[in-house]
Amino acid sequence: MDVSELTSLAPFADTTPRGIAADLARLVNNGELEAGVRLPTVRELASSLGVSPATISQAWQALARAGLIESRGRAGSFVRRDASAGPAMRMRGMAPPDDPVRLDLSRGTPDPLLLPALGPALSRVSARADVGSYQAEPVIPALAAVLRRSWPSEAESIVVVDGALDAISRTLDQVVRFGDRVVVEHPGFPPFLDLLDLLGAEAVPVAIDEQGMSPEGLAVALRRRPAAILLQPRAQNPTGASMTPARAAALAGVIRSAVDEHGLDLVVVEDDHSGLISTEGDVTLGTHLPDRVVHVRSFSKSHGPDLRIAAVGGPRDLIGRIMARRMLGPGWTSRMLQSILLDLLTDGAAIDAVAEARRAYYTRQRALGDALRSRGIPVMHADGINLWMPVLSERSTLVQLAAAGIRVAGGTPFLAAANGAPVAGASRRNGHEFVRVTVGAVREDAAAVADALAVAGQHLAAGGY
């Protein structure tokens, strides 16, 4: 498509990057720009609209992050053939194939055999759950009290929503605008990066170690004046890193200095998705920055993904805005589900089951991690159900393990990359690429699993894997 054809379709009355991106997005969404159409070059459109090439480039980047167009190098930029499928490229890339394997270590989900039994809770809740009111409080009072007693810091308001991603998404909707920057962990959780793409935000990656996000890296990232920081305080996905209280204090100090010196206005969003099965202590930056931290605690890993409940605590004004917007959608999380969670959080047998799961995951994590380290694979000590394993070649490792009947998750979707799209070999770091292994699914024979992982991870096929 040449410039004249494109400008005949779009008015381009607003020639800012946002305006140009919005006009083109409407053309893609309504079908006037069909999948596979080649767009004019940046310089061609810039000359036609009388703007700088940088303006068009920013618009192209926003459209690419939203999953509507793709760059093919020197061939140009094209409307994505799968644009109608939405922008969640990394999340789709994580979806495992349909073919069965003897050991699936790719999913990042809890072992169903370690979840507390729901039958007793269901039998007790069915007789007492209040399901008949639109006007009642969105959080049942007894659950609110249990959550507040267990919260890691003083929070002005605590509510519940439909899972951790719902909480993260609704918080980012309130604090991140198109074009804003958001600090993320590197590597990090792929759906977080997809969410930022959807919002038209730019991810600013900061490296992590065994204690979480690097304070030095965060200090550098804050020079770019982000609107938010998104991190996982415990059992970080994919690495299993957990913050110490000292690291949380150091990160809070870096943030406080940047706010005081440069007038930054930002929000820290914490995703404590594995809190109740984590062996590390409860930790949050909210202890130091209560007016800037939104802490999210999910119960999916400990009590079952299908409960779809996460608690969100933070400043009253921000939590209020989140809930006000939510009332125009789902309104509240099912009070029946809340009653089930309350029962599970207070029943002795359920509490014991979660404690046993925590011990089992710790044992599995230590057994496989020690076995890999003894075989020369330098995996860091991890918490929770995942570990981040260095390999010579991500692609070769996936192929070799598949041949052995084992599936792990490739590392590329966990990394932020240019224009919001993962690129081949992007998981290379210090001479290695990476895969994520769901250790929580290794119920027995960690030594044999470590043998298979080590052999595949150190294999480099001839011909360029």
Protein backbone atom coordinates (compact mmCIF):
# COMPACT_ATOMS: atom_id res chain seq x y z
CA MET A 1 0.00 0.00 0.00
CA ASP A 2 1.41 3.40 -0.93
CA VAL A 3 1.07 6.60 1.07
CA SER A 4 -1.78 8.04 -0.98
CA GLU A 5 -3.90 4.93 -0.49
CA LEU A 6 -3.32 5.01 3.25
CA THR A 7 -4.04 8.71 3.66
CA SER A 8 -7.25 8.31 1.67
CA LEU A 9 -8.44 5.84 4.33
CA ALA A 10 -7.34 7.75 7.43
CA PRO A 11 -7.81 11.47 8.20
CA PHE A 12 -4.69 11.74 10.40
CA ALA A 13 -6.10 14.91 11.92
CA ASP A 14 -4.01 14.25 15.03
CA THR A 15 -0.41 13.80 13.90
CA THR A 16 1.01 12.91 17.31
CA PRO A 17 2.28 9.33 17.71
CA ARG A 18 -0.85 8.54 19.71
CA GLY A 19 -3.17 9.99 17.06
CA ILE A 20 -1.47 8.25 14.15
CA ALA A 21 -1.44 4.92 16.01
CA ALA A 22 -5.11 5.31 16.93
CA ASP A 23 -6.16 6.00 13.31
CA LEU A 24 -4.26 3.00 12.01
CA ALA A 25 -5.54 0.78 14.80
CA ARG A 26 -9.11 1.64 13.82
CA LEU A 27 -8.37 0.74 10.20
CA VAL A 28 -6.97 -2.64 11.24
CA ASN A 29 -9.77 -3.37 13.68
CA ASN A 30 -12.55 -2.57 11.22
CA GLY A 31 -10.90 -4.52 8.41
CA GLU A 32 -10.04 -1.64 6.09
CA LEU A 33 -6.38 -2.61 6.47
CA GLU A 34 -6.32 -6.33 5.87
CA ALA A 35 -3.90 -8.83 7.37
CA GLY A 36 -0.66 -9.03 5.41
CA VAL A 37 -0.87 -5.52 3.93
CA ARG A 38 2.53 -3.80 3.67
CA LEU A 39 2.52 -0.32 5.20
CA PRO A 40 4.37 2.71 3.78
CA THR A 41 7.88 3.25 5.10
CA VAL A 42 8.45 5.52 8.07
CA ARG A 43 10.08 8.18 5.89
CA GLU A 44 7.35 8.05 3.24
CA LEU A 45 4.53 8.59 5.72
CA ALA A 46 6.50 11.18 7.69
CA SER A 47 7.08 13.21 4.54
CA SER A 48 3.43 12.98 3.53
CA LEU A 49 2.14 14.09 6.95
CA GLY A 50 4.81 16.72 7.51
CA VAL A 51 6.12 15.16 10.73
CA SER A 52 9.46 13.75 11.80
CA PRO A 53 10.35 10.11 11.12
CA ALA A 54 10.65 9.69 14.91
CA THR A 55 6.94 10.49 15.25
CA ILE A 56 5.98 7.74 12.79
CA SER A 57 8.46 5.35 14.39
CA GLN A 58 6.85 5.86 17.81
CA ALA A 59 3.41 5.19 16.32
CA TRP A 60 4.71 2.01 14.63
CA GLN A 61 6.24 0.85 17.90
CA ALA A 62 2.94 1.35 19.74
CA LEU A 63 1.08 -0.64 17.08
CA ALA A 64 3.67 -3.41 17.23
CA ARG A 65 3.42 -3.59 21.02
CA ALA A 66 -0.35 -3.87 20.70
CA GLY A 67 0.11 -6.81 18.33
CA LEU A 68 -1.43 -5.09 15.30
CA ILE A 69 1.61 -4.78 13.02
CA GLU A 70 4.96 -6.50 12.72
CA SER A 71 8.34 -5.54 11.29
CA ARG A 72 10.03 -7.84 8.77
CA GLY A 73 13.32 -5.99 8.66
CA ARG A 74 14.21 -4.59 5.26
CA ALA A 75 10.97 -5.97 3.81
CA GLY A 76 9.03 -3.36 5.79
CA SER A 77 6.15 -3.30 8.29
CA PHE A 78 2.99 -5.33 7.76
CA VAL A 79 -0.43 -5.76 9.35
CA ARG A 80 -0.17 -8.92 11.43
CA ARG A 81 -1.97 -11.93 10.04
CA ASP A 82 -3.09 -12.90 13.54
CA ALA A 83 -3.90 -9.37 14.71
CA SER A 84 -7.51 -10.33 15.43
CA ALA A 85 -6.27 -12.85 17.99
CA GLY A 86 -5.18 -10.03 20.26
CA PRO A 87 -1.84 -8.81 21.57
CA ALA A 88 -0.99 -11.50 24.10
CA MET A 89 1.91 -12.83 22.04
CA ARG A 90 4.03 -14.09 24.91
CA MET A 91 1.12 -15.72 26.72
CA ARG A 92 0.16 -17.54 23.52
CA GLY A 93 3.79 -18.54 23.06
CA MET A 94 3.76 -20.19 26.49
CA ALA A 95 0.80 -22.43 25.66
CA PRO A 96 2.03 -26.05 25.57
CA PRO A 97 1.35 -28.24 22.52
CA ASP A 98 -1.50 -30.73 22.61
CA ASP A 99 0.77 -33.77 22.26
CA PRO A 100 1.14 -35.67 25.54
CA VAL A 101 4.47 -36.13 27.30
CA ARG A 102 5.39 -38.38 30.20
CA LEU A 103 6.50 -35.42 32.36
CA ASP A 104 5.21 -31.89 31.79
CA LEU A 105 7.38 -29.35 33.63
CA SER A 106 6.28 -26.38 31.53
CA ARG A 107 3.04 -25.14 33.04
CA GLY A 108 4.02 -23.30 36.21
CA THR A 109 0.95 -24.65 38.01
CA PRO A 110 0.72 -26.31 41.43
CA ASP A 111 0.64 -30.07 41.85
CA PRO A 112 -3.08 -30.93 42.13
CA LEU A 113 -2.25 -33.67 44.64
CA LEU A 114 -0.94 -31.01 47.04
CA LEU A 115 -4.02 -28.77 47.01
CA PRO A 116 -6.34 -28.89 50.06
CA ALA A 117 -9.53 -30.90 49.62
CA LEU A 118 -12.52 -28.77 48.63
CA GLY A 119 -15.22 -31.26 49.60
CA PRO A 120 -15.40 -30.39 53.32
CA ALA A 121 -15.37 -26.66 52.59
CA LEU A 122 -18.12 -27.01 49.98
CA SER A 123 -20.32 -28.98 52.35
CA ARG A 124 -19.98 -26.32 55.06
CA VAL A 125 -20.31 -23.28 52.79
CA SER A 126 -23.37 -24.46 50.91
CA ALA A 127 -25.44 -24.12 54.06
CA ARG A 128 -24.41 -20.60 54.95
CA ALA A 129 -23.22 -18.65 51.88
CA ASP A 130 -25.11 -15.41 51.26
CA VAL A 131 -25.75 -15.17 47.52
CA GLY A 132 -28.78 -12.94 47.33
CA SER A 133 -27.68 -9.29 47.57
CA TYR A 134 -26.35 -6.71 45.08
CA GLN A 135 -25.81 -4.12 47.80
CA ALA A 136 -23.72 -6.03 50.34
CA GLU A 137 -20.06 -5.24 50.93
CA PRO A 138 -17.88 -6.57 48.06
CA VAL A 139 -15.68 -8.43 50.59
CA ILE A 140 -17.38 -10.54 53.23
CA PRO A 141 -16.37 -9.11 56.63
CA ALA A 142 -14.96 -12.33 58.08
CA LEU A 143 -12.63 -12.81 55.09
CA ALA A 144 -11.60 -9.15 55.23
CA ALA A 145 -10.61 -9.63 58.87
CA VAL A 146 -8.53 -12.75 58.12
CA LEU A 147 -6.77 -11.00 55.25
CA ARG A 148 -5.97 -7.92 57.31
CA ARG A 149 -4.49 -10.00 60.15
CA SER A 150 -2.16 -11.77 57.72
CA TRP A 151 -1.21 -8.78 55.57
CA PRO A 152 2.56 -8.06 55.50
CA SER A 153 2.16 -4.32 56.18
CA GLU A 154 -0.44 -1.76 57.15
CA ALA A 155 -2.76 -1.20 54.17
CA GLU A 156 -5.48 1.44 54.15
CA SER A 157 -7.78 -0.78 52.09
CA ILE A 158 -7.90 -4.50 51.25
CA VAL A 159 -10.32 -5.97 48.70
CA VAL A 160 -10.60 -9.15 46.62
CA VAL A 161 -10.71 -9.58 42.85
CA ASP A 162 -10.70 -12.48 40.39
CA GLY A 163 -7.07 -13.60 40.55
CA ALA A 164 -3.64 -12.00 40.45
CA LEU A 165 -3.72 -11.01 36.78
CA ASP A 166 -7.09 -9.33 37.29
CA ALA A 167 -5.57 -7.37 40.16
CA ILE A 168 -2.45 -6.39 38.19
CA SER A 169 -4.47 -5.42 35.13
CA ARG A 170 -6.94 -3.28 37.07
CA THR A 171 -4.15 -1.52 38.95
CA LEU A 172 -2.15 -0.77 35.80
CA ASP A 173 -5.32 0.54 34.14
CA GLN A 174 -5.50 3.18 36.85
CA VAL A 175 -1.85 4.28 36.92
CA VAL A 176 -0.37 3.69 33.44
CA ARG A 177 -1.19 5.75 30.36
CA PHE A 178 -0.30 5.21 26.72
CA GLY A 179 3.41 5.83 26.27
CA ASP A 180 4.31 5.53 29.98
CA ARG A 181 7.26 3.46 31.10
CA VAL A 182 6.98 0.62 33.62
CA VAL A 183 9.94 -1.02 35.37
CA VAL A 184 9.79 -4.83 35.19
CA GLU A 185 11.96 -7.71 36.33
CA HIS A 186 14.31 -9.33 33.83
CA PRO A 187 13.41 -12.12 33.35
CA GLY A 188 9.77 -11.64 34.30
CA PHE A 189 6.28 -13.06 33.92
CA PRO A 190 5.18 -12.99 30.23
CA PRO A 191 1.54 -11.89 30.81
CA PHE A 192 2.85 -8.77 32.57
CA LEU A 193 4.72 -7.81 29.41
CA ASP A 194 1.63 -8.54 27.32
CA LEU A 195 -0.43 -6.28 29.59
CA LEU A 196 2.04 -3.45 29.09
CA ASP A 197 1.91 -3.97 25.32
CA LEU A 198 -1.88 -3.75 25.46
CA LEU A 199 -1.66 -0.47 27.38
CA GLY A 200 0.87 0.94 24.92
CA ALA A 201 3.43 1.18 27.73
CA GLU A 202 7.16 0.60 27.48
CA ALA A 203 8.76 -2.07 29.66
CA VAL A 204 12.05 -1.04 31.31
CA PRO A 205 13.77 -4.29 32.35
CA VAL A 206 15.93 -4.54 35.49
CA ALA A 207 18.07 -7.61 36.18
CA ILE A 208 17.38 -9.78 39.22
CA ASP A 209 19.51 -12.04 41.39
CA GLU A 210 18.66 -14.55 44.13
CA GLN A 211 17.24 -11.72 46.27
CA GLY A 212 15.15 -10.12 43.55
CA MET A 213 15.45 -6.86 41.66
CA SER A 214 18.83 -5.15 41.66
CA PRO A 215 18.86 -1.81 43.57
CA GLU A 216 21.60 -0.50 41.28
CA GLY A 217 19.63 -1.48 38.20
CA LEU A 218 16.47 0.06 39.62
CA ALA A 219 18.31 3.34 40.25
CA VAL A 220 19.31 3.47 36.59
CA ALA A 221 15.78 2.57 35.42
CA LEU A 222 14.22 5.32 37.55
CA ARG A 223 16.12 7.91 35.52
CA ARG A 224 13.62 7.15 32.75
CA ARG A 225 10.80 8.43 34.97
CA PRO A 226 8.50 5.37 35.00
CA ALA A 227 4.88 5.49 36.12
CA ALA A 228 5.05 2.14 37.90
CA ILE A 229 7.30 -0.68 39.09
CA LEU A 230 6.04 -4.24 38.73
CA LEU A 231 7.74 -6.92 40.80
CA GLN A 232 7.26 -10.29 42.52
CA PRO A 233 8.52 -10.28 46.12
CA ARG A 234 8.60 -14.07 46.63
CA ALA A 235 9.09 -17.17 44.47
CA GLN A 236 9.58 -14.93 41.43
CA ASN A 237 8.34 -16.43 38.17
CA PRO A 238 10.41 -17.73 36.39
CA THR A 239 13.53 -17.71 38.63
CA GLY A 240 12.17 -18.57 42.08
CA ALA A 241 14.01 -15.59 43.61
CA SER A 242 12.65 -14.16 46.89
CA MET A 243 13.40 -10.74 48.34
CA THR A 244 14.97 -10.44 51.76
CA PRO A 245 13.83 -7.68 54.13
CA ALA A 246 17.20 -5.99 53.53
CA ARG A 247 16.67 -6.02 49.76
CA ALA A 248 13.15 -4.64 50.15
CA ALA A 249 14.53 -1.82 52.31
CA ALA A 250 17.25 -1.10 49.75
CA LEU A 251 14.77 -0.94 46.87
CA ALA A 252 12.47 1.31 48.90
CA GLY A 253 15.42 3.59 49.64
CA VAL A 254 16.25 3.89 45.95
CA ILE A 255 12.63 4.74 45.15
CA ARG A 256 12.37 7.28 47.97
CA SER A 257 15.55 9.03 46.80
CA ALA A 258 14.28 9.23 43.22
CA VAL A 259 10.93 10.58 44.37
CA ASP A 260 12.58 13.21 46.59
CA GLU A 261 15.25 14.27 44.10
CA HIS A 262 13.32 14.12 40.83
CA GLY A 263 9.69 14.46 41.85
CA LEU A 264 8.68 11.07 40.48
CA ASP A 265 5.08 10.01 40.97
CA LEU A 266 5.00 6.23 40.71
CA VAL A 267 3.27 3.17 42.12
CA VAL A 268 4.89 -0.12 43.09
CA VAL A 269 2.75 -3.15 42.23
CA GLU A 270 3.74 -6.37 44.01
CA ASP A 271 2.51 -9.79 42.90
CA ASP A 272 2.86 -12.23 45.81
CA HIS A 273 1.38 -15.11 43.82
CA SER A 274 2.98 -17.95 45.79
CA GLY A 275 2.90 -16.48 49.29
CA LEU A 276 1.39 -19.38 51.23
CA ILE A 277 3.62 -22.03 49.62
CA SER A 278 6.77 -19.91 49.82
CA THR A 279 9.34 -20.91 52.41
CA GLU A 280 10.76 -17.40 52.59
CA GLY A 281 9.40 -14.78 54.97
CA ASP A 282 6.61 -12.36 54.13
CA VAL A 283 8.13 -9.19 52.66
CA THR A 284 6.83 -6.05 50.97
CA LEU A 285 8.03 -2.56 50.06
CA GLY A 286 4.76 -1.42 51.63
CA THR A 287 6.52 -1.52 55.01
CA HIS A 288 8.62 1.42 53.83
CA LEU A 289 6.39 3.07 51.20
CA PRO A 290 2.79 2.49 52.31
CA ASP A 291 1.42 5.33 50.18
CA ARG A 292 2.97 3.94 46.97
CA VAL A 293 2.60 0.16 47.16
CA VAL A 294 -0.23 -2.04 45.93
CA HIS A 295 0.33 -5.56 47.24
CA VAL A 296 -1.43 -8.48 45.53
CA ARG A 297 -1.77 -11.87 47.22
CA SER A 298 -3.09 -14.75 45.13
CA PHE A 299 -4.38 -18.05 46.50
CA SER A 300 -4.16 -19.98 43.23
CA LYS A 301 -0.85 -21.74 43.91
CA SER A 302 -1.82 -22.69 47.47
CA HIS A 303 -5.53 -23.46 47.20
CA GLY A 304 -6.24 -23.99 43.50
CA PRO A 305 -6.20 -21.90 40.30
CA ASP A 306 -9.95 -22.27 39.77
CA LEU A 307 -10.79 -20.36 42.95
CA ARG A 308 -9.87 -17.22 40.94
CA ILE A 309 -9.36 -15.07 44.03
CA ALA A 310 -6.62 -12.60 44.90
CA ALA A 311 -6.53 -9.98 47.63
CA VAL A 312 -5.35 -6.45 46.84
CA GLY A 313 -4.20 -3.99 49.48
CA GLY A 314 -2.88 -0.46 49.23
CA PRO A 315 -3.71 3.26 49.46
CA ARG A 316 -7.42 3.87 49.98
CA ASP A 317 -7.76 6.31 47.08
CA LEU A 318 -6.18 3.99 44.49
CA ILE A 319 -7.98 0.87 45.71
CA GLY A 320 -11.20 2.88 45.69
CA ARG A 321 -10.70 3.84 42.04
CA ILE A 322 -10.00 0.22 41.13
CA MET A 323 -13.18 -0.98 42.82
CA ALA A 324 -15.31 1.85 41.44
CA ARG A 325 -14.32 0.84 37.92
CA ARG A 326 -14.87 -2.84 38.76
CA MET A 327 -18.43 -2.12 39.89
CA LEU A 328 -19.19 -1.22 36.28
CA GLY A 329 -18.08 -4.70 35.21
CA PRO A 330 -18.21 -7.86 37.33
CA GLY A 331 -19.03 -5.81 40.44
CA TRP A 332 -17.63 -8.18 43.07
CA THR A 333 -16.02 -11.58 43.41
CA SER A 334 -18.60 -14.28 44.13
CA ARG A 335 -19.33 -14.27 47.85
CA MET A 336 -19.79 -18.01 47.66
CA LEU A 337 -16.20 -18.36 46.42
CA GLN A 338 -15.11 -15.94 49.12
CA SER A 339 -16.83 -18.14 51.71
CA ILE A 340 -14.99 -21.20 50.37
CA LEU A 341 -11.65 -19.38 50.60
CA LEU A 342 -12.47 -18.20 54.13
CA ASP A 343 -13.18 -21.79 55.16
CA LEU A 344 -9.90 -22.98 53.62
CA LEU A 345 -7.93 -20.24 55.37
CA THR A 346 -9.38 -21.06 58.79
CA ASP A 347 -9.99 -24.84 58.76
CA GLY A 348 -7.28 -26.83 60.52
CA ALA A 349 -7.12 -29.63 57.96
CA ALA A 350 -6.82 -27.19 55.05
CA ILE A 351 -4.14 -25.20 56.88
CA ASP A 352 -2.20 -28.41 57.47
CA ALA A 353 -2.55 -29.40 53.79
CA VAL A 354 -1.07 -26.07 52.63
CA ALA A 355 1.78 -26.43 55.14
CA GLU A 356 2.49 -29.92 53.83
CA ALA A 357 2.47 -28.59 50.25
CA ARG A 358 4.97 -25.91 51.26
CA ARG A 359 7.28 -28.56 52.72
CA ALA A 360 6.88 -30.80 49.64
CA TYR A 361 7.71 -27.98 47.22
CA TYR A 362 10.75 -27.05 49.30
CA THR A 363 11.94 -30.66 49.22
CA ARG A 364 11.40 -30.96 45.46
CA GLN A 365 13.06 -27.61 44.77
CA ARG A 366 16.10 -28.51 46.85
CA ALA A 367 16.40 -32.04 45.44
CA LEU A 368 16.32 -31.01 41.78
CA GLY A 369 18.38 -27.86 42.31
CA ASP A 370 21.11 -29.75 44.20
CA ALA A 371 21.09 -32.51 41.57
CA LEU A 372 21.52 -30.00 38.74
CA ARG A 373 24.29 -28.13 40.53
CA SER A 374 26.12 -31.41 41.17
CA ARG A 375 25.99 -32.00 37.41
CA GLY A 376 27.58 -28.64 36.66
CA ILE A 377 24.37 -26.69 35.86
CA PRO A 378 24.63 -23.35 37.77
CA VAL A 379 20.99 -22.90 38.79
CA MET A 380 20.47 -20.45 41.60
CA HIS A 381 18.76 -21.44 44.85
CA ALA A 382 15.04 -20.91 44.34
CA ASP A 383 11.76 -20.70 46.24
CA GLY A 384 8.32 -21.88 45.14
CA ILE A 385 7.61 -24.19 42.22
CA ASN A 386 9.87 -22.94 39.38
CA LEU A 387 13.56 -22.65 38.61
CA TRP A 388 15.43 -20.86 35.80
CA MET A 389 17.94 -23.16 34.16
CA PRO A 390 20.82 -21.97 31.95
CA VAL A 391 21.32 -23.99 28.76
CA LEU A 392 23.57 -23.76 25.73
CA SER A 393 20.59 -23.46 23.39
CA GLU A 394 16.95 -22.94 24.30
CA ARG A 395 15.66 -24.47 21.08
CA SER A 396 17.95 -27.48 21.20
CA THR A 397 17.06 -28.14 24.84
CA LEU A 398 13.33 -28.11 24.10
CA VAL A 399 13.82 -30.53 21.21
CA GLN A 400 16.08 -32.89 23.16
CA LEU A 401 13.75 -32.98 26.15
CA ALA A 402 10.70 -33.53 23.97
CA ALA A 403 12.45 -36.55 22.48
CA ALA A 404 12.89 -37.83 26.03
CA GLY A 405 9.22 -37.25 26.85
CA ILE A 406 9.79 -34.14 29.00
CA ARG A 407 8.45 -30.64 28.39
CA VAL A 408 9.78 -27.39 29.90
CA ALA A 409 9.02 -23.75 29.04
CA GLY A 410 11.33 -21.88 26.70
CA GLY A 411 12.96 -18.79 28.18
CA THR A 412 12.33 -16.27 25.39
CA PRO A 413 8.74 -15.28 26.34
CA PHE A 414 9.94 -14.28 29.81
CA LEU A 415 12.14 -11.46 28.48
CA ALA A 416 11.28 -7.94 27.37
CA ALA A 417 12.50 -7.27 23.83
CA ALA A 418 12.50 -4.47 21.30
CA ASN A 419 9.05 -3.30 20.17
CA GLY A 420 7.40 -5.62 22.67
CA ALA A 421 8.08 -8.76 20.62
CA PRO A 422 10.21 -11.73 21.68
CA VAL A 423 13.13 -12.38 19.32
CA ALA A 424 15.10 -15.54 18.59
CA GLY A 425 17.91 -16.13 21.04
CA ALA A 426 16.71 -13.32 23.31
CA SER A 427 17.16 -15.47 26.40
CA ARG A 428 20.96 -15.48 25.98
CA ARG A 429 22.82 -14.07 28.98
CA ASN A 430 26.45 -14.52 29.99
CA GLY A 431 26.89 -17.08 27.21
CA HIS A 432 23.73 -19.01 28.10
CA GLU A 433 20.11 -19.19 27.12
CA PHE A 434 17.45 -20.33 29.60
CA VAL A 435 14.42 -22.53 30.14
CA ARG A 436 11.93 -22.52 33.01
CA VAL A 437 11.39 -25.79 34.84
CA THR A 438 8.33 -26.33 37.05
CA VAL A 439 10.05 -28.17 39.87
CA GLY A 440 6.79 -28.50 41.76
CA ALA A 441 5.70 -31.19 39.31
CA VAL A 442 8.72 -33.43 39.99
CA ARG A 443 7.18 -35.85 42.49
CA GLU A 444 9.94 -38.46 42.44
CA ASP A 445 13.30 -39.47 40.99
CA ALA A 446 14.81 -35.98 40.89
CA ALA A 447 18.18 -37.49 39.95
CA ALA A 448 16.85 -39.02 36.72
CA VAL A 449 15.06 -35.78 35.82
CA ALA A 450 18.26 -33.82 36.50
CA ASP A 451 20.19 -36.22 34.26
CA ALA A 452 17.79 -35.58 31.37
CA LEU A 453 17.78 -31.81 31.93
CA ALA A 454 21.57 -31.62 32.20
CA VAL A 455 22.18 -33.68 29.05
CA ALA A 456 19.66 -31.66 27.01
CA GLY A 457 20.84 -28.32 28.40
CA GLN A 458 24.45 -28.95 27.47
CA HIS A 459 23.66 -30.33 24.01
CA LEU A 460 24.32 -28.14 20.99
CA ALA A 461 23.12 -29.75 17.79
CA ALA A 462 25.20 -29.48 14.65
CA GLY A 463 23.68 -27.17 12.08
CA GLY A 464 23.02 -24.12 14.20
CA TYR A 465 20.63 -24.90 17.05
